[in-house]
């Protein structure tokens, strides 16, 4: 009996010792250089360093700018202003090689805290996306939740200090959370979201980020071609908004319109948008119809004599918005067909509703869809006019 108790006591002490020891391979966080964001640009010929300064085989094709957060400095900034981050650049032709090069100047860079990647459209015109992201998709330290952005400008400028004073890599992620107020923002795209399009070779969008007056702004979207995985063009904010209506992918926002009779502006605030895409197949003929429904409120009216409480007034304004949205989505579809990129989920609807037909056309879908008719219908209901019914009458 005594022997059994001693054995049990020994096992308890040994187990507690193992559990309380912690991670044997851990290192203090203040000694790690945490990566917050990475930017990739094309190296222009005039920027390339003389070849004699490079001691090993390397093509100077890619500039990698890494943003490191400084935990020690960040902690001090609670009481006094201090530098929160610094950016470091490397040039090379291998993402992994450039990552390892940072060990020559940093104590211990760590990628598990990485939040955002920004890639310039000029680089993506030459190097396909799957080659640039292969390292990140294969590295176990990288989280699949990190967000990927494109820029038509210079990617390293996105990570420079901006007017807000916040860490740019973190701020970028927070801006994407404002979709519930702006209907011209597409959903943020994570590494996990890209696995499907990369494998299926389907076209997709990336949020475009720009620097305007020393401030970051998510503006429009970059189109990635499915068959090449290279940059296919830019969609401005109006086309992005039309695309969001087609896909019913709007969390909120407003739409400003001019009332044709009075020539005065009013603002429709979106509460909800639902979209249903129906694919119809007759023999070899395919067509689509997109039915969109929305509810919202009349939030701002510039005309002084509009009676907001009048149901006929609300119906008239609903019809005006319906006409504007109809034009918006038709223009957007025309633009997509000109670019030969189908990113409106038409192929997804055909795959679900007519899988056998999809198998026949999916191989060249970006070109095939340009010949397929797409029609639209919009039904909108204004059920609210805000807290004020004030007019000049």
Protein backbone atom coordinates (compact mmCIF):
# COMPACT_ATOMS: atom_id res chain seq x y z
CA UNK A 1 0.00 0.00 0.00
CA UNK A 2 2.79 2.39 0.99
CA UNK A 3 4.67 1.45 -2.18
CA UNK A 4 1.63 2.30 -4.34
CA UNK A 5 1.27 5.70 -2.65
CA UNK A 6 4.93 6.50 -3.27
CA UNK A 7 4.61 5.57 -6.94
CA UNK A 8 1.48 7.74 -7.31
CA UNK A 9 3.22 10.65 -5.57
CA UNK A 10 6.24 10.29 -7.82
CA UNK A 11 4.05 10.28 -10.95
CA UNK A 12 2.18 13.40 -9.73
CA UNK A 13 5.40 15.34 -9.07
CA UNK A 14 6.93 14.26 -12.40
CA UNK A 15 3.81 15.22 -14.36
CA UNK A 16 3.52 18.62 -12.67
CA UNK A 17 7.18 19.31 -13.38
CA UNK A 18 6.70 18.61 -17.08
CA UNK A 19 3.53 20.73 -17.37
CA UNK A 20 4.90 23.71 -15.46
CA UNK A 21 8.20 23.86 -17.26
CA UNK A 22 6.66 25.61 -20.32
CA UNK A 23 8.05 25.59 -23.83
CA UNK A 24 11.73 24.66 -23.70
CA UNK A 25 12.43 26.20 -27.09
CA UNK A 26 10.71 29.55 -26.41
CA UNK A 27 12.54 32.87 -26.59
CA UNK A 28 11.52 36.21 -25.04
CA UNK A 29 9.17 38.17 -27.30
CA UNK A 30 11.19 41.38 -26.82
CA UNK A 31 14.10 39.66 -28.54
CA UNK A 32 12.10 38.74 -31.65
CA UNK A 33 11.65 40.97 -34.70
CA UNK A 34 7.96 40.48 -35.45
CA UNK A 35 6.93 40.87 -39.08
CA UNK A 36 3.69 42.85 -39.40
CA UNK A 37 3.53 43.34 -43.17
CA UNK A 38 5.42 42.61 -46.38
CA UNK A 39 5.39 44.53 -49.67
CA UNK A 40 6.65 43.27 -53.03
CA UNK A 41 7.68 45.46 -55.96
CA UNK A 42 9.31 44.97 -59.31
CA UNK A 43 12.93 46.13 -59.35
CA UNK A 44 13.40 48.61 -62.17
CA UNK A 45 16.62 48.28 -64.25
CA UNK A 46 17.97 51.62 -63.00
CA UNK A 47 17.49 50.47 -59.40
CA UNK A 48 19.54 47.31 -59.72
CA UNK A 49 22.74 47.14 -57.76
CA UNK A 50 25.95 46.55 -59.70
CA UNK A 51 26.43 42.82 -60.17
CA UNK A 52 29.92 42.83 -58.65
CA UNK A 53 28.41 43.68 -55.27
CA UNK A 54 26.48 40.39 -55.21
CA UNK A 55 28.62 37.45 -54.10
CA UNK A 56 26.22 34.66 -55.05
CA UNK A 57 23.91 33.78 -58.00
CA UNK A 58 20.95 36.13 -57.88
CA UNK A 59 18.63 37.95 -60.25
CA UNK A 60 17.49 41.31 -58.94
CA UNK A 61 13.85 41.01 -59.94
CA UNK A 62 11.92 41.51 -56.70
CA UNK A 63 12.17 44.10 -53.92
CA UNK A 64 10.88 42.77 -50.61
CA UNK A 65 10.04 45.35 -47.95
CA UNK A 66 9.34 43.94 -44.51
CA UNK A 67 7.68 45.92 -41.74
CA UNK A 68 8.90 44.93 -38.27
CA UNK A 69 7.07 46.06 -35.16
CA UNK A 70 9.19 47.08 -32.19
CA UNK A 71 7.57 45.74 -29.00
CA UNK A 72 9.93 47.57 -26.67
CA UNK A 73 9.44 50.91 -28.42
CA UNK A 74 5.69 50.28 -28.67
CA UNK A 75 5.43 49.75 -24.93
CA UNK A 76 7.30 52.99 -24.24
CA UNK A 77 4.98 54.86 -26.58
CA UNK A 78 2.16 54.52 -24.02
CA UNK A 79 3.82 57.33 -22.09
CA UNK A 80 5.83 59.10 -24.76
CA UNK A 81 5.84 59.05 -28.53
CA UNK A 82 8.26 56.48 -29.95
CA UNK A 83 8.94 54.66 -33.15
CA UNK A 84 6.63 51.68 -33.44
CA UNK A 85 8.09 50.00 -36.51
CA UNK A 86 10.85 50.03 -39.08
CA UNK A 87 11.00 48.79 -42.66
CA UNK A 88 13.81 46.71 -44.15
CA UNK A 89 14.36 46.01 -47.84
CA UNK A 90 15.95 43.06 -49.64
CA UNK A 91 16.36 42.47 -53.37
CA UNK A 92 16.45 39.07 -55.04
CA UNK A 93 14.53 36.52 -57.03
CA UNK A 94 13.48 34.02 -54.32
CA UNK A 95 11.07 34.85 -51.50
CA UNK A 96 12.61 32.26 -49.22
CA UNK A 97 16.16 33.35 -49.97
CA UNK A 98 15.33 36.97 -49.19
CA UNK A 99 13.63 35.84 -45.98
CA UNK A 100 16.74 33.97 -44.88
CA UNK A 101 18.94 36.93 -45.83
CA UNK A 102 17.27 38.94 -43.07
CA UNK A 103 19.02 36.69 -40.52
CA UNK A 104 22.29 38.39 -41.51
CA UNK A 105 21.09 41.68 -40.01
CA UNK A 106 18.32 40.76 -37.57
CA UNK A 107 18.52 38.69 -34.41
CA UNK A 108 15.44 36.57 -35.01
CA UNK A 109 12.71 37.62 -37.46
CA UNK A 110 9.34 35.94 -36.87
CA UNK A 111 6.57 35.62 -39.45
CA UNK A 112 3.81 34.17 -37.31
CA UNK A 113 2.53 37.70 -36.54
CA UNK A 114 2.30 38.72 -40.22
CA UNK A 115 -1.00 40.49 -41.00
CA UNK A 116 -0.83 41.80 -44.56
CA UNK A 117 0.95 41.33 -47.89
CA UNK A 118 0.87 44.08 -50.54
CA UNK A 119 1.97 43.31 -54.11
CA UNK A 120 2.43 45.84 -56.89
CA UNK A 121 0.49 45.29 -60.11
CA UNK A 122 3.69 45.83 -62.13
CA UNK A 123 5.33 42.85 -60.42
CA UNK A 124 2.22 40.70 -60.98
CA UNK A 125 2.36 41.48 -64.69
CA UNK A 126 5.62 39.48 -64.82
CA UNK A 127 5.50 36.95 -62.00
CA UNK A 128 2.33 34.87 -61.40
CA UNK A 129 0.67 34.95 -58.01
CA UNK A 130 1.22 31.26 -57.24
CA UNK A 131 5.00 31.75 -57.50
CA UNK A 132 5.00 34.76 -55.16
CA UNK A 133 2.81 33.06 -52.55
CA UNK A 134 4.22 29.54 -52.70
CA UNK A 135 6.57 30.19 -49.77
CA UNK A 136 3.75 31.56 -47.57
CA UNK A 137 1.36 28.72 -48.38
CA UNK A 138 4.03 26.15 -47.51
CA UNK A 139 5.37 27.76 -44.31
CA UNK A 140 3.76 26.41 -41.15
CA UNK A 141 4.55 29.61 -39.22
CA UNK A 142 2.42 31.76 -41.55
CA UNK A 143 -1.26 32.12 -40.67
CA UNK A 144 -3.74 31.57 -43.49
CA UNK A 145 -5.76 34.53 -42.14
CA UNK A 146 -3.21 37.10 -43.35
CA UNK A 147 -4.72 39.45 -45.94
CA UNK A 148 -3.42 39.99 -49.48
CA UNK A 149 -3.69 43.36 -51.27
CA UNK A 150 -2.63 44.73 -54.61
CA UNK A 151 -1.58 48.26 -55.52
CA UNK A 152 -1.27 50.04 -58.83
CA UNK A 153 1.35 52.24 -57.17
CA UNK A 154 4.52 51.25 -55.32
CA UNK A 155 3.93 48.60 -52.68
CA UNK A 156 6.69 49.74 -50.31
CA UNK A 157 5.03 53.19 -50.09
CA UNK A 158 1.99 51.53 -48.51
CA UNK A 159 4.13 50.47 -45.54
CA UNK A 160 5.66 53.90 -44.98
CA UNK A 161 4.60 56.03 -42.04
CA UNK A 162 1.29 57.74 -42.79
CA UNK A 163 -0.74 60.60 -41.40
CA UNK A 164 -2.54 58.43 -38.83
CA UNK A 165 0.69 57.47 -37.06
CA UNK A 166 -0.51 53.86 -36.82
CA UNK A 167 1.39 50.80 -38.01
CA UNK A 168 0.40 50.62 -41.72
CA UNK A 169 0.23 46.81 -41.87
CA UNK A 170 -2.29 46.78 -39.01
CA UNK A 171 -4.22 49.84 -40.20
CA UNK A 172 -4.80 48.25 -43.61
CA UNK A 173 -6.53 45.30 -42.02
CA UNK A 174 -8.72 47.56 -39.91
CA UNK A 175 -9.82 49.63 -42.94
CA UNK A 176 -11.32 46.53 -44.52
CA UNK A 177 -13.64 46.21 -41.53
CA UNK A 178 -15.49 49.35 -42.73
CA UNK A 179 -17.44 47.44 -45.40
CA UNK A 180 -20.65 47.88 -43.42
CA UNK A 181 -20.48 51.63 -44.19
CA UNK A 182 -19.02 51.67 -47.71
CA UNK A 183 -20.52 49.60 -50.54
CA UNK A 184 -17.46 50.16 -52.76
CA UNK A 185 -15.21 47.85 -50.70
CA UNK A 186 -14.78 44.21 -51.60
CA UNK A 187 -14.27 41.61 -48.91
CA UNK A 188 -10.69 41.27 -47.68
CA UNK A 189 -8.91 38.34 -49.32
CA UNK A 190 -6.93 35.99 -47.08
CA UNK A 191 -4.33 33.39 -47.99
CA UNK A 192 -6.97 30.74 -47.30
CA UNK A 193 -9.35 32.42 -49.79
CA UNK A 194 -6.71 32.25 -52.52
CA UNK A 195 -6.12 28.50 -52.36
CA UNK A 196 -9.32 27.72 -54.33
CA UNK A 197 -8.75 30.18 -57.25
CA UNK A 198 -5.07 29.22 -57.46
CA UNK A 199 -5.92 25.53 -57.78
CA UNK A 200 -8.95 25.97 -60.07
CA UNK A 201 -7.25 28.68 -62.18
CA UNK A 202 -10.32 30.90 -61.92
CA UNK A 203 -10.16 34.71 -62.02
CA UNK A 204 -10.53 36.71 -58.82
CA UNK A 205 -10.25 40.18 -57.29
CA UNK A 206 -7.87 41.69 -54.77
CA UNK A 207 -8.57 44.95 -52.89
CA UNK A 208 -6.44 47.76 -54.30
CA UNK A 209 -4.69 50.03 -51.80
CA UNK A 210 -3.29 53.46 -52.58
CA UNK A 211 -1.61 56.30 -50.71
CA UNK A 212 -3.39 59.64 -51.06
CA UNK A 213 -2.30 62.75 -49.16
CA UNK A 214 -0.15 60.60 -46.84
CA UNK A 215 -3.13 58.41 -45.94
CA UNK A 216 -3.90 54.80 -46.85
CA UNK A 217 -7.04 54.22 -48.88
CA UNK A 218 -8.63 51.04 -50.22
CA UNK A 219 -9.73 52.08 -53.68
CA UNK A 220 -11.12 49.82 -56.39
CA UNK A 221 -9.84 46.32 -57.06
CA UNK A 222 -7.16 44.55 -59.06
CA UNK A 223 -8.22 41.70 -61.33
CA UNK A 224 -6.16 38.52 -61.42
CA UNK A 225 -6.55 36.37 -64.52
CA UNK A 226 -7.24 32.72 -63.73
CA UNK A 227 -5.36 31.06 -66.58
CA UNK A 228 -2.12 33.03 -66.10
CA UNK A 229 -2.39 34.06 -62.42
CA UNK A 230 -1.10 37.46 -63.52
CA UNK A 231 -2.53 40.97 -63.23
CA UNK A 232 -5.41 41.50 -65.64
CA UNK A 233 -6.44 45.11 -64.99
CA UNK A 234 -8.05 47.54 -62.60
CA UNK A 235 -11.72 47.97 -61.66
CA UNK A 236 -12.53 51.45 -60.40
CA UNK A 237 -14.79 52.06 -57.43
CA UNK A 238 -17.93 52.37 -59.56
CA UNK A 239 -17.38 48.98 -61.21
CA UNK A 240 -16.60 47.44 -57.83
CA UNK A 241 -19.88 48.80 -56.47
CA UNK A 242 -21.79 47.37 -59.44
CA UNK A 243 -20.12 44.03 -58.91
CA UNK A 244 -21.10 44.04 -55.24
CA UNK A 245 -24.76 44.56 -56.23
CA UNK A 246 -24.62 41.69 -58.75
CA UNK A 247 -23.17 39.35 -56.13
CA UNK A 248 -25.41 40.64 -53.33
CA UNK A 249 -22.24 41.10 -51.33
CA UNK A 250 -23.02 44.40 -49.62
CA UNK A 251 -23.05 44.84 -45.86
CA UNK A 252 -24.11 48.50 -45.94
CA UNK A 253 -23.29 51.84 -47.49
CA UNK A 254 -24.97 54.62 -49.42
CA UNK A 255 -25.85 55.49 -53.00
CA UNK A 256 -26.04 59.16 -54.03
CA UNK A 257 -28.40 60.03 -56.87
CA UNK A 258 -29.69 63.18 -58.56
CA UNK A 259 -33.47 63.43 -58.75
CA UNK A 260 -34.13 64.02 -62.49
CA UNK A 261 -37.11 66.40 -62.20
CA UNK A 262 -35.84 68.71 -59.47
CA UNK A 263 -32.15 68.14 -60.30
CA UNK A 264 -31.44 67.80 -56.58
CA UNK A 265 -29.40 65.09 -54.91
CA UNK A 266 -30.67 62.53 -52.44
CA UNK A 267 -28.94 59.67 -50.64
CA UNK A 268 -30.21 56.11 -50.40
CA UNK A 269 -28.73 54.32 -47.37
CA UNK A 270 -28.51 50.58 -47.92
CA UNK A 271 -29.81 48.31 -45.19
CA UNK A 272 -29.63 45.07 -47.17
CA UNK A 273 -29.03 43.69 -50.66
CA UNK A 274 -29.92 40.18 -51.81
CA UNK A 275 -29.05 38.75 -55.18
CA UNK A 276 -30.09 35.56 -56.94
CA UNK A 277 -28.35 34.40 -60.12
CA UNK A 278 -30.35 31.99 -62.31
CA UNK A 279 -28.60 30.11 -65.11
CA UNK A 280 -30.78 28.89 -68.00
CA UNK A 281 -29.62 26.30 -70.54
CA UNK A 282 -31.40 25.44 -73.81
CA UNK A 283 -29.26 23.06 -75.88
CA UNK A 284 -25.94 24.86 -76.33
CA UNK A 285 -27.41 28.23 -75.40
CA UNK A 286 -26.66 29.57 -71.91
CA UNK A 287 -28.09 32.72 -70.37
CA UNK A 288 -28.16 34.32 -66.93
CA UNK A 289 -30.64 36.48 -65.08
CA UNK A 290 -29.63 38.34 -61.92
CA UNK A 291 -32.49 39.35 -59.61
CA UNK A 292 -31.52 41.93 -56.94
CA UNK A 293 -33.61 43.11 -54.01
CA UNK A 294 -32.72 45.84 -51.55
CA UNK A 295 -34.17 47.65 -48.56
CA UNK A 296 -32.99 50.97 -47.19
CA UNK A 297 -33.81 54.45 -46.04
CA UNK A 298 -33.96 57.95 -47.50
CA UNK A 299 -31.16 59.43 -45.43
CA UNK A 300 -30.46 62.79 -47.05
CA UNK A 301 -32.52 64.96 -49.39
CA UNK A 302 -31.22 68.22 -50.84
CA UNK A 303 -34.59 69.39 -52.20
CA UNK A 304 -36.45 71.48 -49.62
CA UNK A 305 -40.00 70.68 -50.76
CA UNK A 306 -39.88 66.87 -50.70
CA UNK A 307 -42.51 65.33 -48.39
CA UNK A 308 -40.70 62.34 -46.90
CA UNK A 309 -43.78 60.97 -45.11
CA UNK A 310 -45.70 60.64 -48.37
CA UNK A 311 -45.68 57.01 -49.56
CA UNK A 312 -45.79 58.09 -53.20
CA UNK A 313 -42.63 60.13 -52.62
CA UNK A 314 -40.82 57.08 -51.26
CA UNK A 315 -42.05 54.96 -54.21
CA UNK A 316 -40.84 57.54 -56.71
CA UNK A 317 -37.41 57.69 -55.10
CA UNK A 318 -37.26 53.88 -55.01
CA UNK A 319 -37.94 53.76 -58.76
CA UNK A 320 -35.20 56.32 -59.42
CA UNK A 321 -32.66 54.26 -57.46
CA UNK A 322 -33.77 51.07 -59.25
CA UNK A 323 -33.05 52.71 -62.61
CA UNK A 324 -29.63 53.91 -61.48
CA UNK A 325 -28.64 50.49 -60.11
CA UNK A 326 -29.84 48.83 -63.33
CA UNK A 327 -27.51 51.08 -65.34
CA UNK A 328 -24.67 50.53 -62.86
CA UNK A 329 -24.75 46.71 -63.06
CA UNK A 330 -25.15 46.70 -66.86
CA UNK A 331 -22.08 48.94 -67.23
CA UNK A 332 -20.17 46.69 -64.84
CA UNK A 333 -21.01 43.56 -66.83
CA UNK A 334 -19.94 45.29 -70.06
CA UNK A 335 -16.61 46.15 -68.42
CA UNK A 336 -16.02 42.56 -67.24
CA UNK A 337 -16.73 41.24 -70.73
CA UNK A 338 -14.28 43.71 -72.25
CA UNK A 339 -11.62 42.57 -69.77
CA UNK A 340 -12.44 38.88 -70.36
CA UNK A 341 -12.66 38.15 -66.64
CA UNK A 342 -15.68 36.58 -64.99
CA UNK A 343 -15.60 37.53 -61.31
CA UNK A 344 -19.38 37.98 -60.81
CA UNK A 345 -20.10 34.40 -59.66
CA UNK A 346 -21.91 33.50 -62.91
CA UNK A 347 -19.69 30.44 -63.35
CA UNK A 348 -20.39 29.43 -59.76
CA UNK A 349 -24.16 29.56 -60.44
CA UNK A 350 -23.76 27.49 -63.62
CA UNK A 351 -21.61 24.93 -61.80
CA UNK A 352 -24.22 24.45 -59.08
CA UNK A 353 -27.37 24.57 -61.26
CA UNK A 354 -26.06 22.77 -64.39
CA UNK A 355 -22.90 20.83 -63.43
CA UNK A 356 -22.73 18.82 -66.67
CA UNK A 357 -22.82 22.00 -68.77
CA UNK A 358 -20.19 23.61 -66.53
CA UNK A 359 -17.80 20.72 -67.15
CA UNK A 360 -18.00 21.45 -70.89
CA UNK A 361 -17.32 25.19 -70.69
CA UNK A 362 -15.16 25.71 -67.60
CA UNK A 363 -11.84 25.29 -69.43
CA UNK A 364 -12.19 28.58 -71.30
CA UNK A 365 -14.80 30.27 -69.12
CA UNK A 366 -13.31 33.79 -69.07
CA UNK A 367 -13.70 33.96 -72.86
CA UNK A 368 -16.90 31.91 -73.15
CA UNK A 369 -18.88 34.10 -70.75
CA UNK A 370 -18.33 37.18 -72.92
CA UNK A 371 -20.78 35.77 -75.50
CA UNK A 372 -23.47 34.82 -72.97
CA UNK A 373 -26.42 37.22 -72.43
CA UNK A 374 -26.92 38.48 -68.88
CA UNK A 375 -30.10 40.33 -67.86
CA UNK A 376 -30.91 42.12 -64.61
CA UNK A 377 -33.91 43.11 -62.51
CA UNK A 378 -33.84 45.40 -59.47
CA UNK A 379 -36.54 45.77 -56.82
CA UNK A 380 -35.95 48.30 -54.10
CA UNK A 381 -37.99 49.35 -51.09
CA UNK A 382 -37.43 52.52 -49.06
CA UNK A 383 -39.08 51.87 -45.73
CA UNK A 384 -37.52 54.60 -43.63
CA UNK A 385 -36.73 58.30 -43.92
CA UNK A 386 -34.66 58.79 -40.77
CA UNK A 387 -35.61 60.69 -37.63
CA UNK A 388 -36.52 63.97 -39.34
CA UNK A 389 -39.36 64.86 -41.72
CA UNK A 390 -38.46 68.53 -41.79
CA UNK A 391 -39.18 70.45 -45.00
CA UNK A 392 -39.40 74.12 -45.89
CA UNK A 393 -43.18 73.89 -46.49
